[in-house]
Amino acid sequence: MSKRDELIAKYAADLKEKCGVNADMNLLTKVTIGCGPAIYNVDAATVSGTDQSELDTVKNNFLIKKLGLRDSPELDKGIAAVLDKYGQSNRNKYRAVVYYLLTKHFKKESVY
């Protein structure tokens, strides 16, 4: 099993245990691949739910540039909803899981 496959399995387990979501493995794989090398870097692989610059990066680089959404207060609400679902107290919020949940939240699976 490759390192990426191991990470995808870990993300799927995280979705099930922490979010109560049975992952669409095809979509999760595509989202993970879309994260690129960031998933292998300890710092870049996670999203800090309390760091505003990190949340702005998620909004600008993922929601607006990748998913093609327009900037609006709905994007911030969507990020907040996803982070709540993932669990605010959960320290390790994996970027691929957050992006997967955002993709589902905004119903943009067609981008992948």
N, C-alpha and C. Protein backbone atom coordinates (compact mmCIF):
# COMPACT_ATOMS: atom_id res chain seq x y z
N MET A 1 0.85 -1.19 0.00
CA MET A 1 0.00 0.00 0.00
C MET A 1 0.90 1.25 0.00
N SER A 2 0.61 2.17 -0.91
CA SER A 2 1.43 3.38 -0.99
C SER A 2 1.12 4.32 0.17
N LYS A 3 2.01 5.27 0.36
CA LYS A 3 1.83 6.26 1.43
C LYS A 3 0.50 7.01 1.23
N ARG A 4 0.20 7.37 -0.03
CA ARG A 4 -1.04 8.09 -0.31
C ARG A 4 -2.25 7.23 0.03
N ASP A 5 -2.21 5.95 -0.32
CA ASP A 5 -3.32 5.04 -0.01
C ASP A 5 -3.52 4.92 1.50
N GLU A 6 -2.40 4.89 2.23
CA GLU A 6 -2.49 4.84 3.70
C GLU A 6 -3.17 6.09 4.24
N LEU A 7 -2.80 7.25 3.70
CA LEU A 7 -3.40 8.51 4.14
C LEU A 7 -4.89 8.56 3.81
N ILE A 8 -5.25 8.09 2.62
CA ILE A 8 -6.66 8.08 2.22
C ILE A 8 -7.46 7.19 3.17
N ALA A 9 -6.91 6.04 3.54
CA ALA A 9 -7.58 5.15 4.50
C ALA A 9 -7.73 5.85 5.86
N LYS A 10 -6.70 6.59 6.26
CA LYS A 10 -6.75 7.33 7.53
C LYS A 10 -7.82 8.42 7.46
N TYR A 11 -7.91 9.11 6.33
CA TYR A 11 -8.92 10.17 6.17
C TYR A 11 -10.33 9.58 6.20
N ALA A 12 -10.51 8.43 5.56
CA ALA A 12 -11.83 7.78 5.55
C ALA A 12 -12.23 7.39 6.97
N ALA A 13 -11.26 6.89 7.75
CA ALA A 13 -11.54 6.52 9.14
C ALA A 13 -11.90 7.76 9.95
N ASP A 14 -11.19 8.86 9.71
CA ASP A 14 -11.47 10.12 10.39
C ASP A 14 -12.89 10.60 10.09
N LEU A 15 -13.28 10.51 8.82
CA LEU A 15 -14.63 10.92 8.43
C LEU A 15 -15.68 10.09 9.16
N LYS A 16 -15.45 8.79 9.25
CA LYS A 16 -16.41 7.89 9.88
C LYS A 16 -16.47 8.12 11.39
N GLU A 17 -15.30 8.18 12.04
CA GLU A 17 -15.25 8.28 13.50
C GLU A 17 -15.62 9.66 14.02
N LYS A 18 -15.12 10.70 13.38
CA LYS A 18 -15.28 12.05 13.92
C LYS A 18 -16.46 12.81 13.33
N CYS A 19 -16.87 12.42 12.12
CA CYS A 19 -17.94 13.16 11.45
C CYS A 19 -19.18 12.31 11.21
N GLY A 20 -19.08 11.02 11.41
CA GLY A 20 -20.22 10.14 11.15
C GLY A 20 -20.57 10.04 9.68
N VAL A 21 -19.55 10.18 8.82
CA VAL A 21 -19.77 10.19 7.38
C VAL A 21 -19.10 8.97 6.75
N ASN A 22 -19.85 8.23 5.96
CA ASN A 22 -19.26 7.16 5.16
C ASN A 22 -18.73 7.80 3.89
N ALA A 23 -17.42 7.78 3.74
CA ALA A 23 -16.78 8.49 2.64
C ALA A 23 -17.07 7.86 1.28
N ASP A 24 -17.29 8.71 0.30
CA ASP A 24 -17.31 8.31 -1.11
C ASP A 24 -15.82 8.19 -1.46
N MET A 25 -15.30 6.97 -1.49
CA MET A 25 -13.86 6.77 -1.63
C MET A 25 -13.31 7.33 -2.94
N ASN A 26 -14.10 7.30 -3.99
CA ASN A 26 -13.66 7.85 -5.27
C ASN A 26 -13.43 9.37 -5.13
N LEU A 27 -14.41 10.05 -4.53
CA LEU A 27 -14.28 11.49 -4.34
C LEU A 27 -13.16 11.81 -3.36
N LEU A 28 -13.06 11.07 -2.26
CA LEU A 28 -12.01 11.31 -1.27
C LEU A 28 -10.64 11.15 -1.90
N THR A 29 -10.48 10.15 -2.75
CA THR A 29 -9.20 9.94 -3.44
C THR A 29 -8.88 11.12 -4.33
N LYS A 30 -9.86 11.60 -5.09
CA LYS A 30 -9.63 12.74 -5.99
C LYS A 30 -9.31 14.01 -5.22
N VAL A 31 -10.01 14.24 -4.10
CA VAL A 31 -9.74 15.42 -3.28
C VAL A 31 -8.33 15.34 -2.69
N THR A 32 -7.96 14.15 -2.23
CA THR A 32 -6.63 13.96 -1.65
C THR A 32 -5.55 14.21 -2.70
N ILE A 33 -5.73 13.67 -3.88
CA ILE A 33 -4.76 13.91 -4.96
C ILE A 33 -4.69 15.40 -5.28
N GLY A 34 -5.85 16.07 -5.24
CA GLY A 34 -5.90 17.51 -5.51
C GLY A 34 -5.14 18.34 -4.49
N CYS A 35 -4.95 17.81 -3.29
CA CYS A 35 -4.18 18.53 -2.26
C CYS A 35 -2.69 18.54 -2.57
N GLY A 36 -2.27 17.65 -3.46
CA GLY A 36 -0.88 17.59 -3.86
C GLY A 36 0.05 17.19 -2.74
N PRO A 37 1.28 17.69 -2.78
CA PRO A 37 2.29 17.28 -1.79
C PRO A 37 2.00 17.78 -0.37
N ALA A 38 1.03 18.65 -0.21
CA ALA A 38 0.71 19.19 1.12
C ALA A 38 0.35 18.08 2.11
N ILE A 39 -0.24 16.98 1.62
CA ILE A 39 -0.67 15.91 2.53
C ILE A 39 0.51 15.21 3.20
N TYR A 40 1.72 15.37 2.64
CA TYR A 40 2.89 14.70 3.20
C TYR A 40 3.65 15.59 4.19
N ASN A 41 3.29 16.86 4.27
CA ASN A 41 3.94 17.80 5.17
C ASN A 41 3.10 17.90 6.45
N VAL A 42 3.72 17.65 7.59
CA VAL A 42 2.98 17.60 8.85
C VAL A 42 2.17 18.87 9.09
N ASP A 43 2.76 20.03 8.85
CA ASP A 43 2.06 21.30 9.10
C ASP A 43 0.99 21.57 8.04
N ALA A 44 1.33 21.38 6.78
CA ALA A 44 0.40 21.69 5.69
C ALA A 44 -0.74 20.68 5.59
N ALA A 45 -0.57 19.48 6.14
CA ALA A 45 -1.58 18.44 6.02
C ALA A 45 -2.81 18.70 6.88
N THR A 46 -2.69 19.64 7.82
CA THR A 46 -3.82 19.93 8.71
C THR A 46 -4.27 21.38 8.54
N VAL A 47 -5.50 21.63 8.97
CA VAL A 47 -6.09 22.97 8.92
C VAL A 47 -6.32 23.42 10.36
N SER A 48 -5.84 24.62 10.67
CA SER A 48 -6.08 25.18 11.99
C SER A 48 -7.40 25.93 11.96
N GLY A 49 -8.36 25.47 12.75
CA GLY A 49 -9.68 26.10 12.77
C GLY A 49 -9.72 27.42 13.50
N THR A 50 -8.61 27.77 14.19
CA THR A 50 -8.59 29.02 14.95
C THR A 50 -7.71 30.09 14.31
N ASP A 51 -7.01 29.75 13.25
CA ASP A 51 -6.11 30.69 12.59
C ASP A 51 -6.82 31.33 11.40
N GLN A 52 -7.15 32.61 11.51
CA GLN A 52 -7.92 33.28 10.47
C GLN A 52 -7.21 33.26 9.12
N SER A 53 -5.89 33.41 9.11
CA SER A 53 -5.17 33.41 7.83
C SER A 53 -5.27 32.03 7.17
N GLU A 54 -5.30 30.98 7.98
CA GLU A 54 -5.47 29.62 7.46
C GLU A 54 -6.87 29.45 6.86
N LEU A 55 -7.87 29.97 7.55
CA LEU A 55 -9.25 29.88 7.05
C LEU A 55 -9.42 30.70 5.77
N ASP A 56 -8.73 31.84 5.70
CA ASP A 56 -8.77 32.65 4.47
C ASP A 56 -8.13 31.89 3.31
N THR A 57 -7.06 31.17 3.60
CA THR A 57 -6.40 30.37 2.57
C THR A 57 -7.34 29.28 2.05
N VAL A 58 -8.03 28.61 2.97
CA VAL A 58 -9.00 27.58 2.57
C VAL A 58 -10.06 28.21 1.67
N LYS A 59 -10.56 29.36 2.09
CA LYS A 59 -11.62 30.02 1.33
C LYS A 59 -11.12 30.45 -0.05
N ASN A 60 -9.98 31.14 -0.10
CA ASN A 60 -9.50 31.68 -1.37
C ASN A 60 -8.94 30.61 -2.30
N ASN A 61 -8.09 29.74 -1.78
CA ASN A 61 -7.41 28.78 -2.64
C ASN A 61 -8.25 27.56 -2.97
N PHE A 62 -9.15 27.18 -2.07
CA PHE A 62 -9.96 25.99 -2.36
C PHE A 62 -11.36 26.34 -2.84
N LEU A 63 -12.11 27.06 -2.02
CA LEU A 63 -13.51 27.32 -2.37
C LEU A 63 -13.65 28.21 -3.60
N ILE A 64 -12.85 29.27 -3.67
CA ILE A 64 -12.99 30.21 -4.78
C ILE A 64 -12.23 29.73 -6.02
N LYS A 65 -10.93 29.42 -5.86
CA LYS A 65 -10.13 29.04 -7.02
C LYS A 65 -10.42 27.63 -7.52
N LYS A 66 -10.50 26.65 -6.61
CA LYS A 66 -10.68 25.26 -7.03
C LYS A 66 -12.13 24.93 -7.34
N LEU A 67 -13.03 25.27 -6.41
CA LEU A 67 -14.44 24.91 -6.62
C LEU A 67 -15.20 25.94 -7.46
N GLY A 68 -14.61 27.13 -7.66
CA GLY A 68 -15.25 28.13 -8.51
C GLY A 68 -16.41 28.86 -7.87
N LEU A 69 -16.43 28.90 -6.53
CA LEU A 69 -17.52 29.61 -5.85
C LEU A 69 -17.22 31.10 -5.78
N ARG A 70 -18.28 31.91 -5.69
CA ARG A 70 -18.12 33.36 -5.54
C ARG A 70 -17.92 33.69 -4.06
N ASP A 71 -17.08 34.68 -3.80
CA ASP A 71 -16.84 35.10 -2.42
C ASP A 71 -18.13 35.67 -1.83
N SER A 72 -18.53 35.14 -0.70
CA SER A 72 -19.74 35.61 -0.03
C SER A 72 -19.67 35.14 1.42
N PRO A 73 -20.53 35.71 2.27
CA PRO A 73 -20.58 35.24 3.67
C PRO A 73 -20.94 33.76 3.78
N GLU A 74 -21.59 33.21 2.75
CA GLU A 74 -21.95 31.79 2.77
C GLU A 74 -20.72 30.90 2.83
N LEU A 75 -19.61 31.36 2.23
CA LEU A 75 -18.39 30.55 2.25
C LEU A 75 -17.87 30.42 3.68
N ASP A 76 -17.85 31.53 4.42
CA ASP A 76 -17.40 31.49 5.82
C ASP A 76 -18.33 30.62 6.66
N LYS A 77 -19.63 30.71 6.38
CA LYS A 77 -20.60 29.87 7.11
C LYS A 77 -20.37 28.40 6.80
N GLY A 78 -20.07 28.10 5.56
CA GLY A 78 -19.80 26.72 5.16
C GLY A 78 -18.56 26.16 5.84
N ILE A 79 -17.50 26.98 5.89
CA ILE A 79 -16.27 26.56 6.57
C ILE A 79 -16.56 26.31 8.05
N ALA A 80 -17.30 27.23 8.67
CA ALA A 80 -17.64 27.08 10.10
C ALA A 80 -18.47 25.81 10.33
N ALA A 81 -19.41 25.54 9.44
CA ALA A 81 -20.26 24.35 9.57
C ALA A 81 -19.43 23.07 9.46
N VAL A 82 -18.51 23.05 8.52
CA VAL A 82 -17.65 21.88 8.33
C VAL A 82 -16.74 21.68 9.54
N LEU A 83 -16.17 22.77 10.05
CA LEU A 83 -15.29 22.65 11.22
C LEU A 83 -16.07 22.21 12.45
N ASP A 84 -17.31 22.66 12.58
CA ASP A 84 -18.17 22.20 13.68
C ASP A 84 -18.44 20.71 13.54
N LYS A 85 -18.73 20.28 12.32
CA LYS A 85 -19.02 18.86 12.08
C LYS A 85 -17.79 18.00 12.41
N TYR A 86 -16.62 18.51 12.04
CA TYR A 86 -15.36 17.79 12.28
C TYR A 86 -15.03 17.80 13.78
N GLY A 87 -15.52 18.81 14.49
CA GLY A 87 -15.28 18.90 15.93
C GLY A 87 -14.25 19.96 16.23
N GLN A 88 -14.69 21.08 16.81
CA GLN A 88 -13.77 22.18 17.11
C GLN A 88 -12.64 21.74 18.04
N SER A 89 -12.95 20.81 18.94
CA SER A 89 -11.93 20.37 19.90
C SER A 89 -10.93 19.39 19.29
N ASN A 90 -11.25 18.88 18.11
CA ASN A 90 -10.35 17.96 17.43
C ASN A 90 -9.15 18.74 16.90
N ARG A 91 -7.98 18.43 17.44
CA ARG A 91 -6.78 19.20 17.12
C ARG A 91 -6.30 18.97 15.68
N ASN A 92 -6.32 17.75 15.24
CA ASN A 92 -5.84 17.43 13.89
C ASN A 92 -6.99 17.36 12.89
N LYS A 93 -7.20 18.46 12.21
CA LYS A 93 -8.22 18.48 11.16
C LYS A 93 -7.47 18.34 9.83
N TYR A 94 -7.55 17.17 9.26
CA TYR A 94 -6.80 16.93 8.03
C TYR A 94 -7.36 17.74 6.88
N ARG A 95 -6.46 18.36 6.13
CA ARG A 95 -6.83 19.22 5.01
C ARG A 95 -7.72 18.47 4.01
N ALA A 96 -7.34 17.26 3.66
CA ALA A 96 -8.12 16.50 2.67
C ALA A 96 -9.54 16.22 3.18
N VAL A 97 -9.68 15.98 4.48
CA VAL A 97 -11.00 15.72 5.05
C VAL A 97 -11.83 17.01 5.04
N VAL A 98 -11.22 18.12 5.42
CA VAL A 98 -11.92 19.41 5.41
C VAL A 98 -12.35 19.74 3.98
N TYR A 99 -11.47 19.56 3.02
CA TYR A 99 -11.80 19.85 1.63
C TYR A 99 -12.90 18.91 1.12
N TYR A 100 -12.84 17.64 1.51
CA TYR A 100 -13.89 16.69 1.13
C TYR A 100 -15.24 17.16 1.67
N LEU A 101 -15.27 17.50 2.96
CA LEU A 101 -16.52 17.95 3.58
C LEU A 101 -17.03 19.24 2.94
N LEU A 102 -16.12 20.15 2.59
CA LEU A 102 -16.53 21.39 1.92
C LEU A 102 -17.09 21.10 0.53
N THR A 103 -16.45 20.18 -0.18
CA THR A 103 -16.94 19.80 -1.51
C THR A 103 -18.36 19.26 -1.42
N LYS A 104 -18.61 18.40 -0.43
CA LYS A 104 -19.96 17.85 -0.22
C LYS A 104 -20.93 18.94 0.24
N HIS A 105 -20.47 19.80 1.16
CA HIS A 105 -21.33 20.86 1.72
C HIS A 105 -21.86 21.77 0.61
N PHE A 106 -20.97 22.15 -0.30
CA PHE A 106 -21.37 23.07 -1.38
C PHE A 106 -21.84 22.33 -2.64
N LYS A 107 -21.96 21.00 -2.54
CA LYS A 107 -22.44 20.17 -3.66
C LYS A 107 -21.67 20.43 -4.95
N LYS A 108 -20.32 20.41 -4.82
CA LYS A 108 -19.47 20.67 -5.98
C LYS A 108 -18.67 19.42 -6.38
N GLU A 109 -19.24 18.24 -6.14
CA GLU A 109 -18.55 17.00 -6.49
C GLU A 109 -18.20 16.96 -7.97
N SER A 110 -18.99 17.65 -8.79
CA SER A 110 -18.78 17.64 -10.24
C SER A 110 -17.43 18.25 -10.65
N VAL A 111 -16.84 19.07 -9.76
CA VAL A 111 -15.53 19.65 -10.06
C VAL A 111 -14.49 18.55 -10.18
N TYR A 112 -14.68 17.48 -9.44
CA TYR A 112 -13.74 16.36 -9.47
C TYR A 112 -14.20 15.31 -10.45
